[in-house]
Amino acid sequence: MIEKIEKQKMQKVHESEYRFLRILWEQEPVTSPELVKLCNERLGWKKSTTYTVIKKLSKKGIVKSEKTVVEALMTKEEVDRQAGEELLERTCQGNIPAFFAAFLKDRKLTEDEVEKLRKLIDEAQG
């Protein structure tokens, strides 16, 4: 199980794959024919595109497709966290204060946002 999680963390989810996953998370478990229909309606994809994305995400260990039923192996939160970690590393070499300084430059936070951030920081300190 640990090896599977480590492998998943290393797999990048591209924007088109993320849009597909959002549909899957809303509907899962869902049959692949139903996903084809949903992806056509919402993303304008052809059948072949949907099946290609299912195959790619299956190889990455992010979804599984068995007997035409497709399910996610990673939650939205896990995928979002991975993307956040990648962004942090790419832009600020993992330096969280530098990341926030860059992100918050020229922005004003509401009191509610400040309070939520303080709570997150307090929880992260343990």
Protein backbone atom coordinates (compact mmCIF):
# COMPACT_ATOMS: atom_id res chain seq x y z
CA MET A 1 0.00 0.00 0.00
CA ILE A 2 2.80 2.46 0.85
CA GLU A 3 4.50 1.80 -2.50
CA LYS A 4 1.20 2.50 -4.27
CA ILE A 5 0.79 5.83 -2.46
CA GLU A 6 4.39 6.84 -3.21
CA LYS A 7 3.88 6.00 -6.88
CA GLN A 8 0.67 8.04 -6.98
CA LYS A 9 2.41 11.06 -5.46
CA MET A 10 4.93 11.04 -8.29
CA GLN A 11 2.30 11.00 -11.03
CA LYS A 12 1.38 14.41 -12.39
CA VAL A 13 -2.27 15.03 -13.16
CA HIS A 14 -2.65 17.27 -16.20
CA GLU A 15 -5.44 19.85 -16.53
CA SER A 16 -7.57 17.78 -18.90
CA GLU A 17 -7.20 14.75 -16.62
CA TYR A 18 -8.24 16.89 -13.65
CA ARG A 19 -11.38 18.04 -15.45
CA PHE A 20 -12.19 14.39 -16.15
CA LEU A 21 -11.56 13.48 -12.50
CA ARG A 22 -13.95 16.20 -11.30
CA ILE A 23 -16.72 14.51 -13.29
CA LEU A 24 -15.71 11.10 -12.00
CA TRP A 25 -15.63 12.23 -8.35
CA GLU A 26 -19.15 13.64 -8.69
CA GLN A 27 -20.57 10.46 -10.24
CA GLU A 28 -18.51 7.49 -9.04
CA PRO A 29 -18.81 4.65 -9.30
CA VAL A 30 -19.89 5.16 -12.89
CA THR A 31 -19.85 3.03 -16.02
CA SER A 32 -17.44 3.96 -18.78
CA PRO A 33 -20.31 4.45 -21.30
CA GLU A 34 -21.91 6.94 -18.89
CA LEU A 35 -18.55 8.71 -18.50
CA VAL A 36 -18.28 8.94 -22.28
CA LYS A 37 -21.68 10.64 -22.34
CA LEU A 38 -20.83 13.02 -19.47
CA CYS A 39 -17.44 13.94 -20.92
CA ASN A 40 -19.03 14.63 -24.28
CA GLU A 41 -21.67 16.86 -22.68
CA ARG A 42 -19.37 18.74 -20.30
CA LEU A 43 -16.00 18.70 -22.04
CA GLY A 44 -16.90 18.16 -25.69
CA TRP A 45 -14.81 15.00 -25.79
CA LYS A 46 -15.19 12.16 -28.23
CA LYS A 47 -15.55 8.59 -27.03
CA SER A 48 -11.92 7.79 -27.89
CA THR A 49 -10.64 10.74 -25.83
CA THR A 50 -12.52 9.59 -22.73
CA TYR A 51 -11.24 6.04 -23.06
CA THR A 52 -7.69 7.30 -23.60
CA VAL A 53 -7.86 9.36 -20.39
CA ILE A 54 -9.29 6.41 -18.45
CA LYS A 55 -6.40 4.27 -19.70
CA LYS A 56 -3.76 6.90 -18.86
CA LEU A 57 -5.12 7.49 -15.36
CA SER A 58 -5.37 3.73 -14.80
CA LYS A 59 -1.69 3.33 -15.71
CA LYS A 60 -0.84 6.13 -13.27
CA GLY A 61 -2.77 4.34 -10.52
CA ILE A 62 -5.23 7.20 -10.10
CA VAL A 63 -8.36 5.41 -11.33
CA LYS A 64 -9.41 1.83 -11.82
CA SER A 65 -11.71 0.45 -14.46
CA GLU A 66 -13.14 -3.02 -13.95
CA LYS A 67 -16.02 -4.54 -15.88
CA THR A 68 -16.86 -1.12 -17.36
CA VAL A 69 -17.12 0.51 -13.89
CA VAL A 70 -14.71 3.37 -13.28
CA GLU A 71 -13.70 4.55 -9.80
CA ALA A 72 -11.06 6.95 -8.49
CA LEU A 73 -8.22 5.59 -6.39
CA MET A 74 -7.26 9.08 -5.23
CA THR A 75 -9.55 11.66 -3.67
CA LYS A 76 -9.86 15.23 -4.85
CA GLU A 77 -8.04 16.32 -1.71
CA GLU A 78 -5.10 14.01 -2.46
CA VAL A 79 -4.81 15.23 -6.05
CA ASP A 80 -5.14 18.88 -4.98
CA ARG A 81 -2.49 18.45 -2.31
CA GLN A 82 -0.13 16.86 -4.82
CA ALA A 83 -0.64 19.78 -7.21
CA GLY A 84 -0.04 22.25 -4.39
CA GLU A 85 3.18 20.49 -3.39
CA GLU A 86 4.38 20.55 -7.01
CA LEU A 87 3.59 24.27 -7.31
CA LEU A 88 5.34 25.06 -4.03
CA GLU A 89 8.44 23.13 -5.06
CA ARG A 90 8.53 24.54 -8.60
CA THR A 91 8.02 28.19 -7.65
CA CYS A 92 9.72 28.52 -4.27
CA GLN A 93 11.79 25.36 -3.84
CA GLY A 94 9.52 24.26 -1.00
CA ASN A 95 9.88 27.50 0.99
CA ILE A 96 6.39 28.05 2.39
CA PRO A 97 6.93 31.63 3.69
CA ALA A 98 8.37 32.66 0.31
CA PHE A 99 5.41 31.06 -1.43
CA PHE A 100 2.91 32.97 0.71
CA ALA A 101 4.85 36.21 0.31
CA ALA A 102 4.73 35.84 -3.48
CA PHE A 103 1.10 34.75 -3.48
CA LEU A 104 -0.10 37.52 -1.16
CA LYS A 105 1.83 40.36 -2.77
CA ASP A 106 -0.64 43.03 -3.87
CA ARG A 107 -3.58 41.12 -2.33
CA LYS A 108 -5.73 42.05 0.61
CA LEU A 109 -7.15 39.26 2.75
CA THR A 110 -10.51 39.44 4.47
CA GLU A 111 -10.70 38.91 8.21
CA ASP A 112 -12.30 35.54 7.55
CA GLU A 113 -9.42 34.49 5.29
CA VAL A 114 -6.86 35.63 7.87
CA GLU A 115 -8.63 33.66 10.59
CA LYS A 116 -8.76 30.52 8.45
CA LEU A 117 -5.05 30.82 7.67
CA ARG A 118 -4.22 31.31 11.36
CA LYS A 119 -6.20 28.20 12.20
CA LEU A 120 -4.38 26.19 9.52
CA ILE A 121 -1.01 27.40 10.80
CA ASP A 122 -1.94 26.55 14.39
CA GLU A 123 -3.02 23.06 13.34
CA ALA A 124 0.20 22.56 11.34
CA GLN A 125 2.32 23.48 14.38
CA GLY A 126 0.71 20.65 16.35
